[in-house]
Amino acid sequence: MAPVRVPEPLSTAIARVLPTAPAFGDRSVAEVLTSAAASLGVPGFENRLNLPAAKRVCVVLADGLGRNLLKQKSAHTPFLRSVMQSGQGNVPVMLDSAFPSTTAASLASFGTGLAAGQHGMVGYDVLDPDQDRVVNMLGGWDAGVDPQRWQPFPTVFERAAEHVDVTTVSLPQFSDSAMTRAALRGGRYVTATTSHARTAAAAEAMAGAGRALMYFYVNELDKAGHRHGCQSPQWEHQLEELDATVKRLSTTLPAGTTILLTADHGMLDVPESQRIDYSADPALIAGVRHTAGEPRMVHLYLEETEGDSGRVRLLDAWRARFGDRIWAFTREEATAAGLFGAVRSEVGPRIGDVMIAARDALAFYDTRRVRPTALEVVGQHGSLTKAEREVPLLSFQADGKRAPRA
């Protein structure tokens, strides 16, 4: 008699095809601000990252700074290199981005302390089930989407501001953006355009003697990577500027201020020949009602009539075309694997029925709905590779040439 085949547990089967989920609740971008608040003594937060007790904390978030890139390009960062060589005790040196490894999802996790399955910003653009249309989560929110209803939880800034001084230092265009209102609201917002002006503004805002939490945002690295690639001289120049910016913060913030440097995601370059218009292949969009996500992490939403057979057919088509160059999986598999953390019932329909994540240097576009210039983007992110999901965490104390003002 042939042996009876025992079905493999679902969790084990998924683990073989999908990478480990982000370390939510332990060592992810969602723990940075919550741990910083705890280190300041703000009640209701846990210091999961083992940060030292502090009176002031400045969190620098460098958009697009992957851990691998920082190590690879250390010749361009003499100050940050010296910080890394000095060590930081029990504070972890690496964190996971949110999933997808994109700004909307990770900044929302950073700002709320929650995984994407809770805060609901599950991609660059995603389906709004109420409107049956794809909406942007970053720079072009739909007029029919209320940011505070889409992401209803209080932010770390709102909770901390009841106990300590909270300040955001960033660019003027983000001061009242929908992204800020959704996930980074709370405290004072100080605007400045150049990096020099931002560091000066940060020093002035932090000069008071009370307990303080500051968020300092840097976006130039990400912009250079998208336009020129993260292996370009332009990207290296912006990395050098970041190094100089953090050094200036170290010398101008009050002595003893804890400075944290982290990022929302990493990046890799995708050759032009590997930027693929998947909408040109009928098999890859058969039964699909909406497409969304990012080029390296595509959400596909099926017509209601497709059912399970439609999902299987679509998964088979993508796997037949791209093989082991992609991960292809369903919403249920992503949820079971913990990629989005625990998923609220309201958030589930925002996630694609089928998802395609790039394992190789690939990027996927639906040219029926994106501008041709989208295919010119060189540096990419969004998927589950180490280059995209691993971000640094540097922790050190400011030298502080300026004494705190009483």
Protein backbone atom coordinates (compact mmCIF):
# COMPACT_ATOMS: atom_id res chain seq x y z
CA MET A 1 0.00 0.00 0.00
CA ALA A 2 1.29 3.46 -0.84
CA PRO A 3 1.99 5.65 2.18
CA VAL A 4 -0.67 8.22 3.04
CA ARG A 5 0.51 11.78 2.29
CA VAL A 6 -0.10 14.07 5.26
CA PRO A 7 -0.79 17.67 4.12
CA GLU A 8 1.90 20.12 5.12
CA PRO A 9 0.84 22.74 7.70
CA LEU A 10 -0.03 26.01 5.99
CA SER A 11 2.47 28.03 8.03
CA THR A 12 5.30 25.64 7.10
CA ALA A 13 4.42 25.68 3.39
CA ILE A 14 4.32 29.48 3.30
CA ALA A 15 7.60 29.77 5.20
CA ARG A 16 9.30 27.91 2.36
CA VAL A 17 8.23 30.42 -0.27
CA LEU A 18 8.19 33.74 1.62
CA PRO A 19 10.93 35.42 3.64
CA THR A 20 10.53 36.00 7.36
CA ALA A 21 8.04 38.70 8.28
CA PRO A 22 9.29 42.05 9.61
CA ALA A 23 10.17 41.90 13.31
CA PHE A 24 7.18 44.00 14.40
CA GLY A 25 7.10 44.50 18.16
CA ASP A 26 10.78 43.69 18.50
CA ARG A 27 13.19 45.21 15.97
CA SER A 28 11.43 47.17 13.26
CA VAL A 29 10.90 50.81 12.28
CA ALA A 30 7.70 50.66 14.35
CA GLU A 31 9.80 50.47 17.53
CA VAL A 32 11.98 53.55 16.94
CA LEU A 33 9.74 56.38 18.15
CA THR A 34 8.03 54.23 20.77
CA SER A 35 11.40 53.27 22.25
CA ALA A 36 12.58 56.88 22.06
CA ALA A 37 9.49 58.02 23.96
CA ALA A 38 10.06 55.31 26.57
CA SER A 39 13.70 56.37 26.98
CA LEU A 40 12.40 59.86 27.81
CA GLY A 41 10.14 58.44 30.49
CA VAL A 42 6.86 58.90 28.62
CA PRO A 43 4.32 56.50 30.14
CA GLY A 44 2.60 53.90 27.98
CA PHE A 45 5.60 53.00 25.80
CA GLU A 46 8.11 50.13 25.89
CA ASN A 47 11.81 50.57 25.19
CA ARG A 48 12.12 47.53 22.92
CA LEU A 49 15.36 48.84 21.35
CA ASN A 50 17.18 49.22 24.68
CA LEU A 51 17.89 52.90 24.15
CA PRO A 52 19.70 54.70 26.97
CA ALA A 53 17.64 56.85 29.31
CA ALA A 54 17.66 60.39 27.95
CA LYS A 55 16.39 63.91 28.47
CA ARG A 56 16.36 64.71 24.75
CA VAL A 57 16.15 62.46 21.70
CA CYS A 58 16.53 63.49 18.05
CA VAL A 59 15.49 60.82 15.53
CA VAL A 60 16.94 61.39 12.06
CA LEU A 61 15.11 59.44 9.37
CA ALA A 62 17.02 59.30 6.09
CA ASP A 63 14.59 58.23 3.38
CA GLY A 64 16.08 55.41 1.29
CA LEU A 65 19.17 54.63 3.41
CA GLY A 66 19.52 50.84 3.30
CA ARG A 67 21.86 49.17 5.76
CA ASN A 68 23.76 47.39 2.99
CA LEU A 69 24.29 50.66 1.13
CA LEU A 70 25.54 52.45 4.25
CA LYS A 71 28.10 49.70 4.83
CA GLN A 72 29.05 49.50 1.16
CA LYS A 73 29.54 53.28 0.86
CA SER A 74 31.22 53.87 4.23
CA ALA A 75 34.17 55.64 2.56
CA HIS A 76 31.74 58.52 1.92
CA THR A 77 30.62 58.79 5.56
CA PRO A 78 33.61 59.46 7.84
CA PHE A 79 31.45 60.72 10.71
CA LEU A 80 28.88 57.92 10.55
CA ARG A 81 31.67 55.39 10.11
CA SER A 82 33.25 56.59 13.36
CA VAL A 83 29.87 56.25 15.10
CA MET A 84 29.50 52.67 13.86
CA GLN A 85 33.02 51.79 14.97
CA SER A 86 32.36 53.16 18.45
CA GLY A 87 29.62 50.60 19.14
CA GLN A 88 26.25 51.14 20.82
CA GLY A 89 25.90 48.50 23.51
CA ASN A 90 22.65 46.56 23.44
CA VAL A 91 20.98 48.83 20.91
CA PRO A 92 20.46 46.84 17.67
CA VAL A 93 22.37 48.06 14.62
CA MET A 94 19.76 46.86 12.10
CA LEU A 95 15.98 47.12 11.85
CA ASP A 96 13.33 45.78 9.49
CA SER A 97 11.31 48.18 7.40
CA ALA A 98 7.58 47.69 7.26
CA PHE A 99 6.10 45.61 4.46
CA PRO A 100 5.94 46.73 1.74
CA SER A 101 9.38 48.33 2.05
CA THR A 102 8.09 51.69 0.89
CA THR A 103 7.79 55.15 2.42
CA ALA A 104 4.02 55.19 2.98
CA ALA A 105 3.97 51.91 4.89
CA SER A 106 7.21 52.41 6.83
CA LEU A 107 6.67 56.05 7.79
CA ALA A 108 3.19 55.15 9.00
CA SER A 109 4.65 52.32 11.12
CA PHE A 110 7.34 54.70 12.37
CA GLY A 111 4.77 57.36 13.27
CA THR A 112 2.20 55.09 14.90
CA GLY A 113 4.27 52.21 16.28
CA LEU A 114 1.98 49.81 14.40
CA ALA A 115 2.33 47.31 11.57
CA ALA A 116 0.71 48.09 8.21
CA GLY A 117 -2.15 45.67 8.86
CA GLN A 118 -3.24 48.01 11.66
CA HIS A 119 -2.50 51.50 10.34
CA GLY A 120 -3.84 50.53 6.90
CA MET A 121 -1.25 52.16 4.65
CA VAL A 122 -0.35 48.94 2.89
CA GLY A 123 1.39 50.30 -0.22
CA TYR A 124 2.30 53.31 -2.33
CA ASP A 125 -1.16 53.18 -3.84
CA VAL A 126 -3.86 50.71 -2.89
CA LEU A 127 -7.53 49.98 -3.40
CA ASP A 128 -10.10 52.02 -1.50
CA PRO A 129 -12.93 49.44 -1.31
CA ASP A 130 -15.52 52.10 -0.45
CA GLN A 131 -14.88 53.96 -3.70
CA ASP A 132 -13.75 50.93 -5.74
CA ARG A 133 -10.77 52.93 -6.94
CA VAL A 134 -7.01 52.98 -6.42
CA VAL A 135 -5.81 55.80 -4.14
CA ASN A 136 -2.34 57.15 -3.43
CA MET A 137 -0.90 56.93 0.09
CA LEU A 138 2.03 59.31 -0.27
CA GLY A 139 1.93 62.56 -2.24
CA GLY A 140 -1.43 62.55 -4.01
CA TRP A 141 -4.21 61.45 -1.68
CA ASP A 142 -7.66 61.09 -3.16
CA ALA A 143 -10.15 63.80 -2.17
CA GLY A 144 -12.57 61.09 -1.08
CA VAL A 145 -10.17 59.68 1.53
CA ASP A 146 -9.99 61.23 5.00
CA PRO A 147 -6.43 60.61 6.32
CA GLN A 148 -7.57 60.40 9.94
CA ARG A 149 -10.31 57.90 9.16
CA TRP A 150 -8.02 55.82 6.97
CA GLN A 151 -5.45 55.72 9.82
CA PRO A 152 -7.50 56.25 13.00
CA PHE A 153 -4.97 55.42 15.72
CA PRO A 154 -3.22 58.15 17.74
CA THR A 155 0.37 58.72 16.67
CA VAL A 156 3.40 58.48 18.93
CA PHE A 157 3.77 62.25 18.63
CA GLU A 158 0.20 62.88 19.83
CA ARG A 159 0.64 60.61 22.83
CA ALA A 160 4.11 61.87 23.72
CA ALA A 161 3.19 65.54 23.37
CA GLU A 162 1.14 65.27 26.57
CA HIS A 163 4.38 64.72 28.49
CA VAL A 164 7.37 66.13 26.55
CA ASP A 165 8.10 68.75 23.91
CA VAL A 166 7.58 67.19 20.46
CA THR A 167 8.95 68.76 17.28
CA THR A 168 9.13 67.73 13.64
CA VAL A 169 11.80 69.38 11.48
CA SER A 170 11.12 68.81 7.80
CA LEU A 171 10.37 70.43 4.47
CA PRO A 172 7.55 72.98 4.14
CA GLN A 173 5.55 70.92 1.63
CA PHE A 174 5.04 68.13 4.18
CA SER A 175 3.77 70.29 7.04
CA ASP A 176 0.10 69.69 6.32
CA SER A 177 0.27 66.84 3.84
CA ALA A 178 -2.24 64.02 4.02
CA MET A 179 0.60 61.65 4.92
CA THR A 180 1.52 63.85 7.89
CA ARG A 181 -2.10 64.13 8.99
CA ALA A 182 -2.54 60.38 8.75
CA ALA A 183 0.57 59.07 10.49
CA LEU A 184 2.88 61.86 11.72
CA ARG A 185 0.49 64.35 13.28
CA GLY A 186 1.17 65.87 16.69
CA GLY A 187 3.57 68.34 18.26
CA ARG A 188 5.13 71.39 16.61
CA TYR A 189 6.19 71.43 12.96
CA VAL A 190 9.27 73.48 12.05
CA THR A 191 10.02 73.96 8.35
CA ALA A 192 13.27 74.67 6.55
CA THR A 193 14.43 73.90 3.03
CA THR A 194 18.20 73.36 3.02
CA SER A 195 20.00 70.86 5.24
CA HIS A 196 21.91 73.70 6.92
CA ALA A 197 18.68 75.52 7.71
CA ARG A 198 17.11 72.36 9.07
CA THR A 199 20.02 71.65 11.42
CA ALA A 200 19.97 75.26 12.64
CA ALA A 201 16.22 75.01 13.23
CA ALA A 202 16.68 71.72 15.08
CA ALA A 203 19.34 73.21 17.35
CA GLU A 204 17.12 76.18 18.17
CA ALA A 205 14.07 74.00 18.85
CA MET A 206 16.04 71.64 21.09
CA ALA A 207 17.82 74.39 23.03
CA GLY A 208 15.25 74.46 25.84
CA ALA A 209 16.02 72.65 29.08
CA GLY A 210 12.94 70.39 29.17
CA ARG A 211 12.49 66.83 27.96
CA ALA A 212 12.16 66.75 24.19
CA LEU A 213 11.51 64.36 21.30
CA MET A 214 12.44 65.49 17.78
CA TYR A 215 11.86 63.93 14.36
CA PHE A 216 14.27 65.17 11.68
CA TYR A 217 13.42 64.08 8.12
CA VAL A 218 15.90 63.90 5.21
CA ASN A 219 14.58 63.01 1.75
CA GLU A 220 17.39 63.99 -0.64
CA LEU A 221 18.99 60.52 -0.67
CA ASP A 222 15.80 58.82 -1.81
CA LYS A 223 15.23 61.40 -4.55
CA ALA A 224 18.76 60.94 -5.91
CA GLY A 225 18.37 57.16 -5.84
CA HIS A 226 15.11 57.15 -7.76
CA ARG A 227 16.42 59.51 -10.41
CA HIS A 228 20.04 58.40 -10.80
CA GLY A 229 20.35 55.09 -8.95
CA CYS A 230 21.88 54.26 -5.60
CA GLN A 231 25.20 53.39 -7.27
CA SER A 232 25.47 56.82 -8.89
CA PRO A 233 27.81 59.71 -8.02
CA GLN A 234 24.70 61.80 -7.30
CA TRP A 235 23.55 59.32 -4.64
CA GLU A 236 27.03 59.23 -3.10
CA HIS A 237 27.04 63.04 -2.97
CA GLN A 238 23.77 63.05 -1.05
CA LEU A 239 25.15 60.41 1.31
CA GLU A 240 28.09 62.73 2.00
CA GLU A 241 25.62 65.55 2.65
CA LEU A 242 23.74 63.32 5.11
CA ASP A 243 27.01 62.54 6.91
CA ALA A 244 27.72 66.28 7.21
CA THR A 245 24.16 66.98 8.38
CA VAL A 246 24.32 64.42 11.18
CA LYS A 247 27.75 65.69 12.22
CA ARG A 248 26.34 69.24 12.44
CA LEU A 249 23.49 67.97 14.60
CA SER A 250 25.98 66.29 16.88
CA THR A 251 27.87 69.54 17.42
CA THR A 252 24.88 71.88 17.72
CA LEU A 253 22.31 69.91 19.71
CA PRO A 254 22.63 70.10 23.51
CA ALA A 255 25.32 67.83 24.96
CA GLY A 256 24.01 64.41 25.89
CA THR A 257 21.12 64.46 23.41
CA THR A 258 20.55 60.95 22.08
CA ILE A 259 20.75 61.01 18.28
CA LEU A 260 19.25 58.10 16.38
CA LEU A 261 19.75 57.61 12.65
CA THR A 262 17.52 55.20 10.80
CA ALA A 263 15.57 54.88 7.52
CA ASP A 264 12.25 53.77 6.11
CA HIS A 265 13.61 51.35 3.49
CA GLY A 266 16.66 50.50 1.41
CA MET A 267 17.03 50.49 -2.36
CA LEU A 268 18.51 48.71 -5.35
CA ASP A 269 18.98 49.70 -8.99
CA VAL A 270 16.86 48.11 -11.71
CA PRO A 271 18.30 48.10 -15.27
CA GLU A 272 16.11 49.65 -17.96
CA SER A 273 15.77 46.28 -19.69
CA GLN A 274 14.21 44.82 -16.52
CA ARG A 275 11.51 47.47 -16.10
CA ILE A 276 8.63 45.47 -17.49
CA ASP A 277 5.17 46.50 -18.70
CA TYR A 278 3.20 43.52 -17.40
CA SER A 279 -0.06 44.93 -18.76
CA ALA A 280 1.20 44.01 -22.26
CA ASP A 281 0.81 40.30 -21.41
CA PRO A 282 -2.91 39.34 -21.23
CA ALA A 283 -2.18 36.30 -19.05
CA LEU A 284 -0.70 38.49 -16.31
CA ILE A 285 -3.82 40.64 -16.00
CA ALA A 286 -6.55 38.08 -16.79
CA GLY A 287 -9.49 38.65 -14.48
CA VAL A 288 -7.81 41.65 -12.81
CA ARG A 289 -10.08 44.61 -11.99
CA HIS A 290 -7.46 46.92 -10.43
CA THR A 291 -3.67 47.06 -10.23
CA ALA A 292 -1.80 48.97 -7.52
CA GLY A 293 1.25 48.90 -5.26
CA GLU A 294 4.77 49.70 -6.41
CA PRO A 295 6.88 48.34 -9.25
CA ARG A 296 8.60 45.84 -6.95
CA MET A 297 5.49 44.87 -4.94
CA VAL A 298 2.38 44.72 -7.08
CA HIS A 299 -1.17 44.42 -5.72
CA LEU A 300 -3.63 42.72 -8.10
CA TYR A 301 -7.36 42.94 -7.30
CA LEU A 302 -9.57 40.47 -9.11
CA GLU A 303 -13.09 40.74 -10.41
CA GLU A 304 -15.56 39.27 -7.91
CA THR A 305 -16.56 36.61 -10.44
CA GLU A 306 -13.04 35.17 -10.59
CA GLY A 307 -13.04 33.34 -7.25
CA ASP A 308 -10.32 30.92 -6.17
CA SER A 309 -9.84 29.49 -9.66
CA GLY A 310 -9.04 32.96 -11.00
CA ARG A 311 -6.42 33.52 -8.33
CA VAL A 312 -4.77 30.17 -9.02
CA ARG A 313 -4.74 30.86 -12.75
CA LEU A 314 -3.18 34.29 -12.18
CA LEU A 315 -0.52 32.95 -9.80
CA ASP A 316 0.35 30.21 -12.27
CA ALA A 317 0.70 32.73 -15.11
CA TRP A 318 3.13 34.95 -13.17
CA ARG A 319 5.16 31.97 -11.96
CA ALA A 320 5.33 30.53 -15.46
CA ARG A 321 6.61 33.85 -16.82
CA PHE A 322 9.09 34.83 -14.10
CA GLY A 323 9.84 31.65 -12.13
CA ASP A 324 12.00 32.13 -9.06
CA ARG A 325 12.67 35.78 -9.94
CA ILE A 326 9.49 36.67 -8.01
CA TRP A 327 7.45 35.75 -4.98
CA ALA A 328 3.79 35.29 -5.97
CA PHE A 329 1.28 34.85 -3.15
CA THR A 330 -2.25 35.62 -2.02
CA ARG A 331 -3.61 38.04 0.56
CA GLU A 332 -4.34 35.11 2.87
CA GLU A 333 -0.80 33.76 2.54
CA ALA A 334 0.68 37.18 3.27
CA THR A 335 -1.53 37.49 6.34
CA ALA A 336 -0.69 34.00 7.58
CA ALA A 337 3.01 34.74 7.13
CA GLY A 338 2.66 37.95 9.20
CA LEU A 339 3.98 40.25 6.47
CA PHE A 340 1.49 42.98 7.39
CA GLY A 341 1.30 42.05 11.06
CA ALA A 342 -2.20 41.51 12.44
CA VAL A 343 -4.66 42.77 9.82
CA ARG A 344 -7.77 44.74 10.82
CA SER A 345 -10.98 43.76 9.05
CA GLU A 346 -11.19 47.24 7.46
CA VAL A 347 -7.66 46.89 6.07
CA GLY A 348 -7.95 43.43 4.52
CA PRO A 349 -9.80 44.54 1.34
CA ARG A 350 -7.13 47.22 0.71
CA ILE A 351 -4.59 44.41 0.14
CA GLY A 352 -4.39 42.74 -3.25
CA ASP A 353 -6.03 39.37 -3.84
CA VAL A 354 -2.73 38.39 -5.45
CA MET A 355 0.65 40.02 -4.79
CA ILE A 356 3.83 39.91 -6.82
CA ALA A 357 7.10 40.79 -5.06
CA ALA A 358 10.35 40.98 -7.00
CA ARG A 359 13.24 38.79 -5.82
CA ASP A 360 15.57 39.80 -8.65
CA ALA A 361 16.41 43.22 -10.13
CA LEU A 362 12.96 43.60 -11.70
CA ALA A 363 10.27 46.28 -11.71
CA PHE A 364 6.71 45.84 -12.96
CA TYR A 365 4.46 48.53 -14.46
CA ASP A 366 0.90 48.76 -15.66
CA THR A 367 1.35 51.37 -18.39
CA ARG A 368 -2.41 51.71 -18.75
CA ARG A 369 -2.44 53.72 -15.52
CA VAL A 370 1.08 55.10 -14.91
CA ARG A 371 2.90 57.82 -16.80
CA PRO A 372 5.68 56.77 -19.19
CA THR A 373 8.16 58.69 -16.99
CA ALA A 374 7.56 56.13 -14.25
CA LEU A 375 9.67 53.67 -16.23
CA GLU A 376 12.64 56.05 -15.98
CA VAL A 377 13.05 55.43 -12.24
CA VAL A 378 16.37 53.70 -11.56
CA GLY A 379 16.52 53.10 -7.80
CA GLN A 380 13.61 50.97 -6.58
CA HIS A 381 12.21 49.43 -3.41
CA GLY A 382 9.07 47.83 -2.02
CA SER A 383 9.89 44.12 -1.97
CA LEU A 384 11.25 41.68 0.62
CA THR A 385 14.93 41.49 -0.31
CA LYS A 386 17.57 42.38 2.27
CA ALA A 387 18.67 45.39 0.24
CA GLU A 388 15.19 46.87 0.55
CA ARG A 389 13.99 45.75 3.97
CA GLU A 390 17.09 46.10 6.18
CA VAL A 391 17.74 49.61 7.50
CA PRO A 392 20.40 50.85 9.92
CA LEU A 393 19.96 52.09 13.47
CA LEU A 394 22.80 54.25 14.77
CA SER A 395 22.63 55.51 18.33
CA PHE A 396 25.05 58.00 19.90
CA GLN A 397 25.23 61.07 22.12
CA ALA A 398 25.58 64.62 20.78
CA ASP A 399 28.85 66.39 21.56
CA GLY A 400 26.90 69.59 22.11
CA LYS A 401 29.00 72.70 21.70
CA ARG A 402 25.96 74.66 22.86
CA ALA A 403 24.84 74.38 26.47
CA PRO A 404 21.09 73.84 27.08
CA ARG A 405 19.22 77.09 27.58
CA ALA A 406 17.55 77.41 30.96
